[in-house]
Each structure stands twice: as C-alpha cells, then as structure tokens.
Amino acid sequence: MSNELGLSLMLGPPLVIVALAVAFRVLGPGRSRSAAAVTVPADVSPARLEIATSVAAGVREGKAVPNDSTLVEVMALKDQRKPAHAVKVLRQRAGLGLGDAKRLVDRLP
C-alpha cells in the first residue's frame, strides 16, 4: 500500500500540471479566433465609400487605390473598433506598407 501511495504522490502533481497546461493551451486566451467572427455590413452608403476612395487616393498619391470591397471591409473593421485588423487587411490585400496602411485607416471616415 505504501508503494502505491508513494507512486501516486510522485506522479500525481506533475500529471495535474500537464493536464492544466494542455487545457490552458487549448481553451486559454491565446487560442486563435476564426476570421468568420468579423461581420462586414453589405450596406455602406455610396457617399461614405466615395469619401473613402478619395481619402485612399490622397494617401496613396498617384498609386493604385484599394478596391471598393477592401475599403468596405476596412471601414467595417474600423467601425467595430478593430483598427489593427483593418491595417492587416490593407497590408494583405492592397500590398501597402505598415505606415501607409495605418495612415489610411486613421483617415478613413
């Protein structure tokens, strides 16, 4: 009986620690979130989109402007108070640098 008790006292705490670490890794705050959680509104006013296109043209200074669907998604992310995600979308889809993307997000209506 004492061998079993000793063995359980030796292996029990490390097994609990490993189980807690795995549970934290799987269910904890560091887990990745799906991109489907972001909702993009389909009804952006044409005036707001026109202003966004004008602002993008001003920031880009003669270079290619991101397309309308990208601008709509970026404005939706900005409305949801997720400017870092908006910058990431601009960098991925429009090929902008970090400074240009941040400046554009900051100036969008």
N, C-alpha and C. Protein backbone atom coordinates (compact mmCIF):
# COMPACT_ATOMS: atom_id res chain seq x y z
N MET A 1 0.81 -1.19 0.00
CA MET A 1 0.00 0.00 0.00
C MET A 1 0.86 1.26 0.00
N SER A 2 1.95 1.26 0.69
CA SER A 2 2.79 2.44 0.76
C SER A 2 3.47 2.72 -0.59
N ASN A 3 3.76 1.66 -1.36
CA ASN A 3 4.34 1.86 -2.69
C ASN A 3 3.35 2.58 -3.60
N GLU A 4 2.08 2.21 -3.53
CA GLU A 4 1.06 2.85 -4.34
C GLU A 4 0.87 4.31 -3.94
N LEU A 5 0.89 4.55 -2.64
CA LEU A 5 0.75 5.92 -2.15
C LEU A 5 1.94 6.77 -2.58
N GLY A 6 3.12 6.22 -2.47
CA GLY A 6 4.32 6.94 -2.87
C GLY A 6 4.32 7.24 -4.36
N LEU A 7 3.89 6.26 -5.14
CA LEU A 7 3.83 6.43 -6.59
C LEU A 7 2.80 7.48 -6.98
N SER A 8 1.65 7.45 -6.33
CA SER A 8 0.63 8.46 -6.65
C SER A 8 1.05 9.85 -6.21
N LEU A 9 1.78 9.95 -5.11
CA LEU A 9 2.28 11.25 -4.66
C LEU A 9 3.39 11.77 -5.58
N MET A 10 4.13 10.85 -6.19
CA MET A 10 5.20 11.26 -7.11
C MET A 10 4.66 11.66 -8.48
N LEU A 11 3.70 10.91 -8.99
CA LEU A 11 3.22 11.15 -10.35
C LEU A 11 1.98 12.02 -10.42
N GLY A 12 1.25 12.15 -9.35
CA GLY A 12 0.00 12.90 -9.35
C GLY A 12 0.16 14.37 -9.69
N PRO A 13 0.97 15.11 -8.92
CA PRO A 13 1.11 16.56 -9.20
C PRO A 13 1.64 16.88 -10.59
N PRO A 14 2.67 16.19 -11.11
CA PRO A 14 3.10 16.50 -12.48
C PRO A 14 2.01 16.23 -13.53
N LEU A 15 1.23 15.17 -13.33
CA LEU A 15 0.16 14.88 -14.28
C LEU A 15 -0.92 15.96 -14.23
N VAL A 16 -1.23 16.46 -13.06
CA VAL A 16 -2.20 17.55 -12.94
C VAL A 16 -1.68 18.81 -13.62
N ILE A 17 -0.41 19.11 -13.43
CA ILE A 17 0.20 20.30 -14.06
C ILE A 17 0.17 20.17 -15.57
N VAL A 18 0.50 19.02 -16.10
CA VAL A 18 0.48 18.81 -17.55
C VAL A 18 -0.95 18.94 -18.08
N ALA A 19 -1.92 18.37 -17.37
CA ALA A 19 -3.31 18.47 -17.80
C ALA A 19 -3.79 19.92 -17.80
N LEU A 20 -3.41 20.68 -16.79
CA LEU A 20 -3.80 22.10 -16.73
C LEU A 20 -3.12 22.90 -17.84
N ALA A 21 -1.87 22.60 -18.13
CA ALA A 21 -1.16 23.32 -19.19
C ALA A 21 -1.79 23.05 -20.55
N VAL A 22 -2.16 21.80 -20.80
CA VAL A 22 -2.81 21.46 -22.07
C VAL A 22 -4.18 22.13 -22.17
N ALA A 23 -4.93 22.10 -21.08
CA ALA A 23 -6.25 22.75 -21.09
C ALA A 23 -6.13 24.25 -21.31
N PHE A 24 -5.14 24.88 -20.70
CA PHE A 24 -4.95 26.32 -20.89
C PHE A 24 -4.55 26.62 -22.32
N ARG A 25 -3.69 25.77 -22.88
CA ARG A 25 -3.24 25.99 -24.26
C ARG A 25 -4.40 25.86 -25.24
N VAL A 26 -5.29 24.91 -25.00
CA VAL A 26 -6.40 24.67 -25.91
C VAL A 26 -7.53 25.66 -25.70
N LEU A 27 -7.85 25.95 -24.45
CA LEU A 27 -9.01 26.77 -24.14
C LEU A 27 -8.67 28.18 -23.67
N GLY A 28 -7.40 28.48 -23.50
CA GLY A 28 -6.98 29.75 -22.92
C GLY A 28 -7.08 30.92 -23.87
N PRO A 29 -6.64 32.09 -23.40
CA PRO A 29 -6.78 33.32 -24.18
C PRO A 29 -5.90 33.39 -25.42
N GLY A 30 -4.91 32.53 -25.54
CA GLY A 30 -4.02 32.58 -26.69
C GLY A 30 -4.53 31.85 -27.90
N ARG A 31 -5.71 31.26 -27.83
CA ARG A 31 -6.21 30.48 -28.96
C ARG A 31 -6.56 31.40 -30.12
N SER A 32 -6.48 30.88 -31.30
CA SER A 32 -6.78 31.68 -32.48
C SER A 32 -8.28 31.76 -32.69
N ARG A 33 -8.71 32.90 -33.20
CA ARG A 33 -10.13 33.09 -33.49
C ARG A 33 -10.32 33.00 -34.99
N SER A 34 -11.47 32.53 -35.37
CA SER A 34 -11.74 32.39 -36.79
C SER A 34 -12.03 33.75 -37.41
N ALA A 35 -11.75 33.87 -38.69
CA ALA A 35 -12.00 35.13 -39.40
C ALA A 35 -13.48 35.35 -39.64
N ALA A 36 -14.29 34.31 -39.45
CA ALA A 36 -15.72 34.44 -39.68
C ALA A 36 -16.41 35.27 -38.61
N ALA A 37 -15.71 35.56 -37.51
CA ALA A 37 -16.31 36.34 -36.43
C ALA A 37 -16.49 37.80 -36.82
N VAL A 38 -15.78 38.25 -37.84
CA VAL A 38 -15.89 39.63 -38.29
C VAL A 38 -17.06 39.73 -39.25
N THR A 39 -17.98 40.62 -38.96
CA THR A 39 -19.13 40.80 -39.84
C THR A 39 -18.94 42.06 -40.66
N VAL A 40 -19.15 41.93 -41.94
CA VAL A 40 -19.00 43.06 -42.85
C VAL A 40 -20.38 43.49 -43.31
N PRO A 41 -20.74 44.74 -43.04
CA PRO A 41 -22.06 45.18 -43.48
C PRO A 41 -22.10 45.34 -45.00
N ALA A 42 -23.20 44.92 -45.59
CA ALA A 42 -23.34 45.00 -47.04
C ALA A 42 -23.81 46.37 -47.48
N ASP A 43 -24.38 47.13 -46.57
CA ASP A 43 -24.96 48.42 -46.95
C ASP A 43 -24.12 49.59 -46.41
N VAL A 44 -23.10 49.93 -47.16
CA VAL A 44 -22.32 51.12 -46.87
C VAL A 44 -22.80 52.19 -47.83
N SER A 45 -23.01 53.36 -47.31
CA SER A 45 -23.56 54.41 -48.16
C SER A 45 -22.57 54.75 -49.28
N PRO A 46 -23.09 55.03 -50.47
CA PRO A 46 -22.20 55.37 -51.59
C PRO A 46 -21.37 56.62 -51.31
N ALA A 47 -21.95 57.56 -50.56
CA ALA A 47 -21.20 58.78 -50.24
C ALA A 47 -19.99 58.47 -49.37
N ARG A 48 -20.19 57.60 -48.38
CA ARG A 48 -19.08 57.24 -47.48
C ARG A 48 -18.00 56.47 -48.25
N LEU A 49 -18.42 55.59 -49.17
CA LEU A 49 -17.47 54.84 -49.97
C LEU A 49 -16.70 55.78 -50.91
N GLU A 50 -17.38 56.78 -51.45
CA GLU A 50 -16.72 57.75 -52.32
C GLU A 50 -15.69 58.56 -51.54
N ILE A 51 -16.04 58.95 -50.33
CA ILE A 51 -15.09 59.69 -49.48
C ILE A 51 -13.89 58.81 -49.15
N ALA A 52 -14.15 57.53 -48.84
CA ALA A 52 -13.06 56.60 -48.52
C ALA A 52 -12.13 56.42 -49.71
N THR A 53 -12.71 56.33 -50.91
CA THR A 53 -11.89 56.20 -52.12
C THR A 53 -11.05 57.45 -52.34
N SER A 54 -11.64 58.62 -52.09
CA SER A 54 -10.92 59.87 -52.23
C SER A 54 -9.78 59.97 -51.21
N VAL A 55 -10.05 59.57 -49.99
CA VAL A 55 -9.01 59.60 -48.95
C VAL A 55 -7.89 58.63 -49.32
N ALA A 56 -8.25 57.44 -49.81
CA ALA A 56 -7.24 56.45 -50.20
C ALA A 56 -6.39 56.98 -51.35
N ALA A 57 -7.02 57.67 -52.30
CA ALA A 57 -6.26 58.25 -53.41
C ALA A 57 -5.31 59.33 -52.91
N GLY A 58 -5.75 60.10 -51.92
CA GLY A 58 -4.88 61.13 -51.35
C GLY A 58 -3.71 60.56 -50.59
N VAL A 59 -3.94 59.48 -49.86
CA VAL A 59 -2.86 58.86 -49.10
C VAL A 59 -1.89 58.15 -50.03
N ARG A 60 -2.40 57.53 -51.07
CA ARG A 60 -1.56 56.76 -51.99
C ARG A 60 -0.81 57.65 -52.98
N GLU A 61 -1.26 58.87 -53.22
CA GLU A 61 -0.59 59.85 -54.09
C GLU A 61 -0.20 59.28 -55.45
N GLY A 62 -1.18 58.97 -56.25
CA GLY A 62 -0.93 58.54 -57.62
C GLY A 62 -0.72 57.05 -57.78
N LYS A 63 -0.68 56.30 -56.71
CA LYS A 63 -0.51 54.85 -56.79
C LYS A 63 -1.88 54.20 -56.80
N ALA A 64 -1.91 52.89 -56.98
CA ALA A 64 -3.18 52.15 -57.05
C ALA A 64 -3.94 52.25 -55.73
N VAL A 65 -5.24 52.46 -55.84
CA VAL A 65 -6.12 52.58 -54.68
C VAL A 65 -6.75 51.22 -54.41
N PRO A 66 -6.91 50.82 -53.14
CA PRO A 66 -7.58 49.55 -52.85
C PRO A 66 -8.99 49.53 -53.43
N ASN A 67 -9.46 48.34 -53.81
CA ASN A 67 -10.79 48.23 -54.42
C ASN A 67 -11.89 48.49 -53.39
N ASP A 68 -13.11 48.63 -53.88
CA ASP A 68 -14.24 49.00 -53.02
C ASP A 68 -14.52 47.96 -51.95
N SER A 69 -14.44 46.68 -52.29
CA SER A 69 -14.75 45.65 -51.28
C SER A 69 -13.74 45.67 -50.14
N THR A 70 -12.49 45.94 -50.46
CA THR A 70 -11.48 46.05 -49.41
C THR A 70 -11.75 47.26 -48.53
N LEU A 71 -12.08 48.38 -49.15
CA LEU A 71 -12.37 49.58 -48.36
C LEU A 71 -13.60 49.39 -47.48
N VAL A 72 -14.62 48.70 -48.00
CA VAL A 72 -15.82 48.45 -47.19
C VAL A 72 -15.47 47.59 -45.98
N GLU A 73 -14.65 46.56 -46.19
CA GLU A 73 -14.26 45.69 -45.08
C GLU A 73 -13.41 46.45 -44.06
N VAL A 74 -12.51 47.29 -44.54
CA VAL A 74 -11.66 48.07 -43.64
C VAL A 74 -12.51 49.05 -42.83
N MET A 75 -13.48 49.70 -43.47
CA MET A 75 -14.35 50.62 -42.73
C MET A 75 -15.19 49.87 -41.70
N ALA A 76 -15.63 48.66 -42.04
CA ALA A 76 -16.40 47.86 -41.08
C ALA A 76 -15.54 47.48 -39.89
N LEU A 77 -14.30 47.11 -40.13
CA LEU A 77 -13.41 46.78 -39.03
C LEU A 77 -13.12 48.00 -38.16
N LYS A 78 -12.98 49.14 -38.80
CA LYS A 78 -12.76 50.37 -38.03
C LYS A 78 -14.00 50.70 -37.20
N ASP A 79 -15.19 50.49 -37.75
CA ASP A 79 -16.43 50.73 -37.00
C ASP A 79 -16.54 49.79 -35.81
N GLN A 80 -16.00 48.58 -35.94
CA GLN A 80 -16.04 47.61 -34.85
C GLN A 80 -14.88 47.82 -33.87
N ARG A 81 -14.16 48.90 -34.05
CA ARG A 81 -13.01 49.27 -33.19
C ARG A 81 -11.92 48.21 -33.22
N LYS A 82 -11.60 47.78 -34.44
CA LYS A 82 -10.52 46.82 -34.66
C LYS A 82 -9.55 47.38 -35.70
N PRO A 83 -8.89 48.49 -35.38
CA PRO A 83 -8.02 49.12 -36.38
C PRO A 83 -6.81 48.26 -36.75
N ALA A 84 -6.32 47.45 -35.83
CA ALA A 84 -5.18 46.60 -36.17
C ALA A 84 -5.56 45.57 -37.23
N HIS A 85 -6.77 45.03 -37.13
CA HIS A 85 -7.24 44.09 -38.14
C HIS A 85 -7.43 44.79 -39.48
N ALA A 86 -7.90 46.04 -39.43
CA ALA A 86 -8.09 46.80 -40.66
C ALA A 86 -6.75 47.04 -41.35
N VAL A 87 -5.73 47.38 -40.58
CA VAL A 87 -4.40 47.58 -41.14
C VAL A 87 -3.89 46.28 -41.76
N LYS A 88 -4.13 45.18 -41.08
CA LYS A 88 -3.69 43.88 -41.59
C LYS A 88 -4.36 43.55 -42.92
N VAL A 89 -5.67 43.82 -43.01
CA VAL A 89 -6.39 43.56 -44.26
C VAL A 89 -5.82 44.41 -45.38
N LEU A 90 -5.56 45.68 -45.12
CA LEU A 90 -4.99 46.55 -46.15
C LEU A 90 -3.62 46.07 -46.58
N ARG A 91 -2.81 45.66 -45.63
CA ARG A 91 -1.46 45.19 -45.99
C ARG A 91 -1.51 43.93 -46.82
N GLN A 92 -2.46 43.02 -46.50
CA GLN A 92 -2.54 41.76 -47.24
C GLN A 92 -3.14 41.94 -48.62
N ARG A 93 -4.22 42.69 -48.71
CA ARG A 93 -4.96 42.78 -49.97
C ARG A 93 -4.46 43.86 -50.91
N ALA A 94 -3.99 44.97 -50.36
CA ALA A 94 -3.58 46.07 -51.22
C ALA A 94 -2.07 46.19 -51.34
N GLY A 95 -1.35 45.41 -50.53
CA GLY A 95 0.10 45.45 -50.60
C GLY A 95 0.70 46.74 -50.06
N LEU A 96 0.02 47.39 -49.15
CA LEU A 96 0.52 48.63 -48.57
C LEU A 96 1.54 48.33 -47.48
N GLY A 97 2.42 49.29 -47.25
CA GLY A 97 3.34 49.19 -46.12
C GLY A 97 2.61 49.50 -44.83
N LEU A 98 3.27 49.26 -43.73
CA LEU A 98 2.65 49.46 -42.43
C LEU A 98 2.27 50.91 -42.20
N GLY A 99 3.14 51.83 -42.53
CA GLY A 99 2.87 53.25 -42.33
C GLY A 99 1.72 53.74 -43.18
N ASP A 100 1.72 53.37 -44.46
CA ASP A 100 0.64 53.80 -45.36
C ASP A 100 -0.70 53.20 -44.94
N ALA A 101 -0.69 51.93 -44.55
CA ALA A 101 -1.94 51.28 -44.15
C ALA A 101 -2.50 51.92 -42.88
N LYS A 102 -1.64 52.20 -41.91
CA LYS A 102 -2.10 52.82 -40.67
C LYS A 102 -2.62 54.22 -40.93
N ARG A 103 -1.91 54.98 -41.74
CA ARG A 103 -2.35 56.34 -42.08
C ARG A 103 -3.70 56.33 -42.77
N LEU A 104 -3.90 55.38 -43.67
CA LEU A 104 -5.18 55.28 -44.38
C LEU A 104 -6.31 54.90 -43.43
N VAL A 105 -6.08 53.95 -42.55
CA VAL A 105 -7.11 53.54 -41.59
C VAL A 105 -7.46 54.71 -40.68
N ASP A 106 -6.46 55.46 -40.24
CA ASP A 106 -6.70 56.59 -39.35
C ASP A 106 -7.53 57.68 -40.03
N ARG A 107 -7.37 57.83 -41.32
CA ARG A 107 -8.07 58.91 -42.04
C ARG A 107 -9.40 58.52 -42.65
N LEU A 108 -9.72 57.24 -42.67
CA LEU A 108 -10.99 56.81 -43.25
C LEU A 108 -12.18 57.30 -42.42
N PRO A 109 -13.32 57.59 -43.09
CA PRO A 109 -14.49 58.05 -42.33
C PRO A 109 -15.15 56.92 -41.58
